[in-house]
C-alpha atoms as a PDB file:
ATOM      1  CA  MET A   1      50.153  32.867 -10.476  1.00  0.00           C
ATOM      2  CA  LYS A   2      49.313  30.644  -7.467  1.00  0.00           C
ATOM      3  CA  ASN A   3      46.049  32.501  -7.009  1.00  0.00           C
ATOM      4  CA  LEU A   4      45.136  32.019 -10.641  1.00  0.00           C
ATOM      5  CA  ILE A   5      45.819  28.252 -10.453  1.00  0.00           C
ATOM      6  CA  CYS A   6      43.787  27.951  -7.224  1.00  0.00           C
ATOM      7  CA  LEU A   7      40.949  29.919  -8.800  1.00  0.00           C
ATOM      8  CA  PHE A   8      41.059  27.688 -11.885  1.00  0.00           C
ATOM      9  CA  PHE A   9      40.889  24.453  -9.850  1.00  0.00           C
ATOM     10  CA  GLY A  10      38.174  25.954  -7.649  1.00  0.00           C
ATOM     11  CA  VAL A  11      36.003  26.737 -10.688  1.00  0.00           C
ATOM     12  CA  ILE A  12      36.637  23.257 -12.127  1.00  0.00           C
ATOM     13  CA  THR A  13      35.661  21.662  -8.769  1.00  0.00           C
ATOM     14  CA  VAL A  14      32.437  23.688  -8.567  1.00  0.00           C
ATOM     15  CA  LEU A  15      31.539  22.783 -12.159  1.00  0.00           C
ATOM     16  CA  PHE A  16      32.264  19.104 -11.472  1.00  0.00           C
ATOM     17  CA  ILE A  17      30.075  19.081  -8.348  1.00  0.00           C
ATOM     18  CA  TYR A  18      27.260  20.856 -10.209  1.00  0.00           C
ATOM     19  CA  ALA A  19      27.434  18.396 -13.097  1.00  0.00           C
ATOM     20  CA  CYS A  20      27.197  15.411 -10.733  1.00  0.00           C
ATOM     21  CA  GLN A  21      24.066  16.621  -8.948  1.00  0.00           C
ATOM     22  CA  ASP A  22      20.672  15.141  -9.836  1.00  0.00           C
ATOM     23  CA  LYS A  23      18.493  17.593 -11.658  1.00  0.00           C
ATOM     24  CA  PRO A  24      14.780  17.723 -10.792  1.00  0.00           C
ATOM     25  CA  GLY A  25      12.641  15.999 -13.395  1.00  0.00           C
ATOM     26  CA  LYS A  26      15.526  14.032 -14.883  1.00  0.00           C
ATOM     27  CA  ASN A  27      15.479  10.253 -14.762  1.00  0.00           C
ATOM     28  CA  TYR A  28      18.975   8.853 -14.510  1.00  0.00           C
ATOM     29  CA  ASN A  29      17.826   5.239 -14.063  1.00  0.00           C
ATOM     30  CA  THR A  30      19.042   3.861 -17.366  1.00  0.00           C
ATOM     31  CA  THR A  31      18.347   0.256 -16.370  1.00  0.00           C
ATOM     32  CA  ALA A  32      14.562   0.571 -16.206  1.00  0.00           C
ATOM     33  CA  GLN A  33      13.185  -0.881 -19.415  1.00  0.00           C
ATOM     34  CA  VAL A  34       9.525  -1.410 -18.477  1.00  0.00           C
ATOM     35  CA  ASP A  35       6.871   0.245 -16.347  1.00  0.00           C
ATOM     36  CA  THR A  36       5.848  -0.885 -12.867  1.00  0.00           C
ATOM     37  CA  THR A  37       2.854  -2.784 -14.244  1.00  0.00           C
ATOM     38  CA  ALA A  38       5.178  -4.903 -16.379  1.00  0.00           C
ATOM     39  CA  VAL A  39       7.556  -5.473 -13.452  1.00  0.00           C
ATOM     40  CA  SER A  40       4.624  -6.600 -11.320  1.00  0.00           C
ATOM     41  CA  PHE A  41       3.405  -8.889 -14.113  1.00  0.00           C
ATOM     42  CA  ILE A  42       6.829 -10.511 -14.480  1.00  0.00           C
ATOM     43  CA  ASN A  43       7.256 -11.059 -10.745  1.00  0.00           C
ATOM     44  CA  ASN A  44       3.694 -12.308 -10.198  1.00  0.00           C
ATOM     45  CA  GLY A  45       4.005 -14.596 -13.203  1.00  0.00           C
ATOM     46  CA  ILE A  46       7.238 -16.126 -11.935  1.00  0.00           C
ATOM     47  CA  GLU A  47       5.845 -16.485  -8.409  1.00  0.00           C
ATOM     48  CA  GLY A  48       2.645 -18.103  -9.663  1.00  0.00           C
ATOM     49  CA  GLY A  49       4.585 -20.500 -11.854  1.00  0.00           C
ATOM     50  CA  LEU A  50       6.813 -21.560  -8.975  1.00  0.00           C
ATOM     51  CA  THR A  51       3.731 -22.215  -6.866  1.00  0.00           C
ATOM     52  CA  GLU A  52       2.173 -24.386  -9.589  1.00  0.00           C
ATOM     53  CA  ILE A  53       5.410 -26.348 -10.006  1.00  0.00           C
ATOM     54  CA  LYS A  54       5.738 -27.034  -6.270  1.00  0.00           C
ATOM     55  CA  ALA A  55       2.081 -27.988  -5.850  1.00  0.00           C
ATOM     56  CA  SER A  56       2.245 -30.226  -8.919  1.00  0.00           C
ATOM     57  CA  GLY A  57       5.365 -31.923  -7.594  1.00  0.00           C
ATOM     58  CA  LEU A  58       3.355 -32.785  -4.504  1.00  0.00           C
ATOM     59  CA  ALA A  59       0.558 -34.117  -6.708  1.00  0.00           C
ATOM     60  CA  ILE A  60       2.920 -36.548  -8.394  1.00  0.00           C
ATOM     61  CA  THR A  61       3.962 -37.995  -5.034  1.00  0.00           C
ATOM     62  CA  ASN A  62       0.712 -37.656  -3.022  1.00  0.00           C
ATOM     63  CA  SER A  63      -1.947 -38.674  -5.541  1.00  0.00           C
ATOM     64  CA  ASN A  64      -2.980 -42.112  -6.709  1.00  0.00           C
ATOM     65  CA  ASN A  65      -5.272 -40.734  -9.425  1.00  0.00           C
ATOM     66  CA  GLN A  66      -3.667 -41.011 -12.873  1.00  0.00           C
ATOM     67  CA  ARG A  67      -5.645 -38.034 -14.228  1.00  0.00           C
ATOM     68  CA  VAL A  68      -4.385 -35.838 -11.374  1.00  0.00           C
ATOM     69  CA  ILE A  69      -0.821 -37.064 -11.899  1.00  0.00           C
ATOM     70  CA  GLY A  70      -1.086 -36.440 -15.660  1.00  0.00           C
ATOM     71  CA  LEU A  71      -2.374 -32.924 -15.038  1.00  0.00           C
ATOM     72  CA  ALA A  72       0.451 -32.309 -12.567  1.00  0.00           C
ATOM     73  CA  LYS A  73       3.094 -33.424 -15.084  1.00  0.00           C
ATOM     74  CA  MET A  74       1.603 -31.123 -17.714  1.00  0.00           C
ATOM     75  CA  MET A  75       1.605 -28.247 -15.191  1.00  0.00           C
ATOM     76  CA  ILE A  76       5.268 -28.823 -14.343  1.00  0.00           C
ATOM     77  CA  ASP A  77       6.320 -28.982 -18.013  1.00  0.00           C
ATOM     78  CA  ASP A  78       4.317 -25.939 -19.130  1.00  0.00           C
ATOM     79  CA  HIS A  79       5.046 -23.777 -16.082  1.00  0.00           C
ATOM     80  CA  THR A  80       8.768 -24.578 -16.196  1.00  0.00           C
ATOM     81  CA  LYS A  81       8.903 -23.420 -19.819  1.00  0.00           C
ATOM     82  CA  ALA A  82       6.847 -20.289 -19.061  1.00  0.00           C
ATOM     83  CA  GLU A  83       9.032 -19.527 -16.032  1.00  0.00           C
ATOM     84  CA  ASP A  84      12.195 -19.838 -18.141  1.00  0.00           C
ATOM     85  CA  ASP A  85      10.691 -17.506 -20.748  1.00  0.00           C
ATOM     86  CA  LEU A  86       9.606 -15.004 -18.083  1.00  0.00           C
ATOM     87  CA  LYS A  87      13.065 -15.051 -16.499  1.00  0.00           C
ATOM     88  CA  GLN A  88      14.600 -14.370 -19.906  1.00  0.00           C
ATOM     89  CA  LEU A  89      12.127 -11.528 -20.414  1.00  0.00           C
ATOM     90  CA  ALA A  90      13.034 -10.158 -16.983  1.00  0.00           C
ATOM     91  CA  SER A  91      16.712 -10.320 -17.883  1.00  0.00           C
ATOM     92  CA  ASP A  92      16.134  -8.623 -21.242  1.00  0.00           C
ATOM     93  CA  LYS A  93      14.129  -5.856 -19.561  1.00  0.00           C
ATOM     94  CA  LYS A  94      16.605  -5.521 -16.671  1.00  0.00           C
ATOM     95  CA  VAL A  95      13.964  -6.465 -14.105  1.00  0.00           C
ATOM     96  CA  ASP A  96      15.183  -7.947 -10.835  1.00  0.00           C
ATOM     97  CA  GLU A  97      12.838 -10.897 -10.697  1.00  0.00           C
ATOM     98  CA  LYS A  98      11.669 -12.266  -7.383  1.00  0.00           C
ATOM     99  CA  ASP A  99      12.299 -15.991  -7.415  1.00  0.00           C
ATOM    100  CA  THR A 100      10.216 -16.810  -4.325  1.00  0.00           C
ATOM    101  CA  ILE A 101       6.757 -17.896  -3.296  1.00  0.00           C
ATOM    102  CA  ASN A 102       4.708 -15.487  -1.182  1.00  0.00           C
ATOM    103  CA  ALA A 103       3.540 -16.448   2.316  1.00  0.00           C
ATOM    104  CA  VAL A 104      -0.044 -17.179   1.243  1.00  0.00           C
ATOM    105  CA  HIS A 105       1.027 -19.609  -1.481  1.00  0.00           C
ATOM    106  CA  GLN A 106       3.658 -21.172   0.769  1.00  0.00           C
ATOM    107  CA  GLN A 107       0.973 -21.851   3.381  1.00  0.00           C
ATOM    108  CA  MET A 108      -1.194 -23.450   0.686  1.00  0.00           C
ATOM    109  CA  ILE A 109       1.734 -25.689  -0.311  1.00  0.00           C
ATOM    110  CA  ASN A 110       2.340 -26.591   3.350  1.00  0.00           C
ATOM    111  CA  ASP A 111      -1.342 -27.441   3.872  1.00  0.00           C
ATOM    112  CA  LEU A 112      -1.409 -29.457   0.665  1.00  0.00           C
ATOM    113  CA  SER A 113       1.657 -31.457   1.686  1.00  0.00           C
ATOM    114  CA  LYS A 114      -0.221 -32.773   4.739  1.00  0.00           C
ATOM    115  CA  LYS A 115      -2.988 -34.329   2.630  1.00  0.00           C
ATOM    116  CA  SER A 116      -3.123 -37.551   0.665  1.00  0.00           C
ATOM    117  CA  GLY A 117      -5.475 -39.598  -1.491  1.00  0.00           C
ATOM    118  CA  ALA A 118      -8.842 -38.177  -2.543  1.00  0.00           C
ATOM    119  CA  THR A 119      -8.584 -35.320  -0.014  1.00  0.00           C
ATOM    120  CA  PHE A 120      -5.305 -34.256  -1.569  1.00  0.00           C
ATOM    121  CA  ASP A 121      -6.667 -34.560  -5.107  1.00  0.00           C
ATOM    122  CA  LYS A 122      -9.636 -32.316  -4.392  1.00  0.00           C
ATOM    123  CA  ALA A 123      -7.534 -29.678  -2.578  1.00  0.00           C
ATOM    124  CA  TYR A 124      -4.874 -29.696  -5.312  1.00  0.00           C
ATOM    125  CA  LEU A 125      -7.422 -29.353  -8.105  1.00  0.00           C
ATOM    126  CA  GLN A 126      -9.286 -26.560  -6.318  1.00  0.00           C
ATOM    127  CA  MET A 127      -5.962 -24.775  -5.884  1.00  0.00           C
ATOM    128  CA  MET A 128      -5.215 -25.194  -9.606  1.00  0.00           C
ATOM    129  CA  VAL A 129      -8.630 -23.803 -10.552  1.00  0.00           C
ATOM    130  CA  THR A 130      -8.338 -20.788  -8.242  1.00  0.00           C
ATOM    131  CA  ASP A 131      -4.742 -20.007  -9.199  1.00  0.00           C
ATOM    132  CA  HIS A 132      -5.411 -20.322 -12.917  1.00  0.00           C
ATOM    133  CA  GLU A 133      -8.449 -18.059 -12.690  1.00  0.00           C
ATOM    134  CA  GLY A 134      -6.145 -15.455 -11.127  1.00  0.00           C
ATOM    135  CA  ALA A 135      -3.472 -16.102 -13.750  1.00  0.00           C
ATOM    136  CA  ILE A 136      -5.997 -15.530 -16.534  1.00  0.00           C
ATOM    137  CA  LYS A 137      -6.793 -12.100 -15.077  1.00  0.00           C
ATOM    138  CA  LEU A 138      -3.075 -11.298 -14.707  1.00  0.00           C
ATOM    139  CA  PHE A 139      -2.192 -12.370 -18.249  1.00  0.00           C
ATOM    140  CA  THR A 140      -5.283 -10.781 -19.806  1.00  0.00           C
ATOM    141  CA  GLY A 141      -4.271  -7.464 -18.240  1.00  0.00           C
ATOM    142  CA  ALA A 142      -0.721  -7.888 -19.533  1.00  0.00           C
ATOM    143  CA  THR A 143      -1.976  -8.273 -23.101  1.00  0.00           C
ATOM    144  CA  GLN A 144      -2.747  -4.541 -22.873  1.00  0.00           C
ATOM    145  CA  ASN A 145       0.748  -3.557 -21.679  1.00  0.00           C
ATOM    146  CA  ALA A 146       2.551  -0.876 -23.656  1.00  0.00           C
ATOM    147  CA  ASP A 147       5.682  -3.006 -23.975  1.00  0.00           C
ATOM    148  CA  PRO A 148       5.311  -5.241 -27.054  1.00  0.00           C
ATOM    149  CA  ASP A 149       7.433  -8.057 -25.569  1.00  0.00           C
ATOM    150  CA  ILE A 150       5.266  -8.215 -22.429  1.00  0.00           C
ATOM    151  CA  LYS A 151       2.114  -8.021 -24.541  1.00  0.00           C
ATOM    152  CA  ASN A 152       3.272 -10.798 -26.896  1.00  0.00           C
ATOM    153  CA  PHE A 153       4.407 -13.115 -24.108  1.00  0.00           C
ATOM    154  CA  ALA A 154       1.087 -12.707 -22.289  1.00  0.00           C
ATOM    155  CA  ALA A 155      -0.928 -13.255 -25.476  1.00  0.00           C
ATOM    156  CA  LYS A 156       1.112 -16.345 -26.393  1.00  0.00           C
ATOM    157  CA  THR A 157       0.814 -17.860 -22.893  1.00  0.00           C
ATOM    158  CA  LEU A 158      -2.828 -17.029 -22.152  1.00  0.00           C
ATOM    159  CA  PRO A 159      -4.318 -19.916 -24.210  1.00  0.00           C
ATOM    160  CA  ILE A 160      -2.134 -22.400 -22.301  1.00  0.00           C
ATOM    161  CA  ILE A 161      -3.340 -21.021 -18.965  1.00  0.00           C
ATOM    162  CA  LYS A 162      -6.959 -21.267 -20.143  1.00  0.00           C
ATOM    163  CA  MET A 163      -6.349 -24.870 -21.199  1.00  0.00           C
ATOM    164  CA  HIS A 164      -4.881 -25.590 -17.739  1.00  0.00           C
ATOM    165  CA  LEU A 165      -8.004 -24.153 -16.124  1.00  0.00           C
ATOM    166  CA  ASP A 166     -10.273 -26.235 -18.360  1.00  0.00           C
ATOM    167  CA  SER A 167      -8.238 -29.372 -17.639  1.00  0.00           C
ATOM    168  CA  ALA A 168      -8.224 -28.786 -13.869  1.00  0.00           C
ATOM    169  CA  ASN A 169     -11.987 -28.191 -13.920  1.00  0.00           C
ATOM    170  CA  ALA A 170     -12.565 -31.368 -15.949  1.00  0.00           C
ATOM    171  CA  VAL A 171     -10.505 -33.520 -13.589  1.00  0.00           C
ATOM    172  CA  LEU A 172     -12.127 -31.894 -10.540  1.00  0.00           C
ATOM    173  CA  THR A 173     -15.606 -32.576 -11.992  1.00  0.00           C
ATOM    174  CA  SER A 174     -14.689 -36.208 -12.586  1.00  0.00           C
ATOM    175  CA  LEU A 175     -13.896 -36.639  -8.876  1.00  0.00           C
ATOM    176  CA  LYS A 176     -17.401 -35.700  -7.753  1.00  0.00           C
END
């Protein structure tokens, strides 16, 4: 009887161990809701928005040009809303968003913070133009994403980014 009980528990243990092993070709990551392209889009979008908000905060304090300050306020308002929406999208899709600015953008912010007056205005506006050109490429690509929520968010936000680029270009042109 003891041998039968030991054999029974031995078989149960082997079956339990077998059932817990990962099987090749099976994906047990039940939290992944979007592909890597969508994850990259979300994280790059959040990072870009944070950069715009920080740079625009500097513009409000370092510029004397009312057009630059007005543009900066618009950037802060629009990018804060887009960032909130992207963070909600990341949460809905179970994406661990990266809430930081990369080293390149941080260096740009640091360099910008050392400028003032017309020199600041020109550097800030050039940064806005360059960053928004990149954002247009990022968001245009995301409008082709397989996930409908990513696609819709990108399509809804793209016209605002294009308007930001047009506004930054107009203010930059007026400085020359």
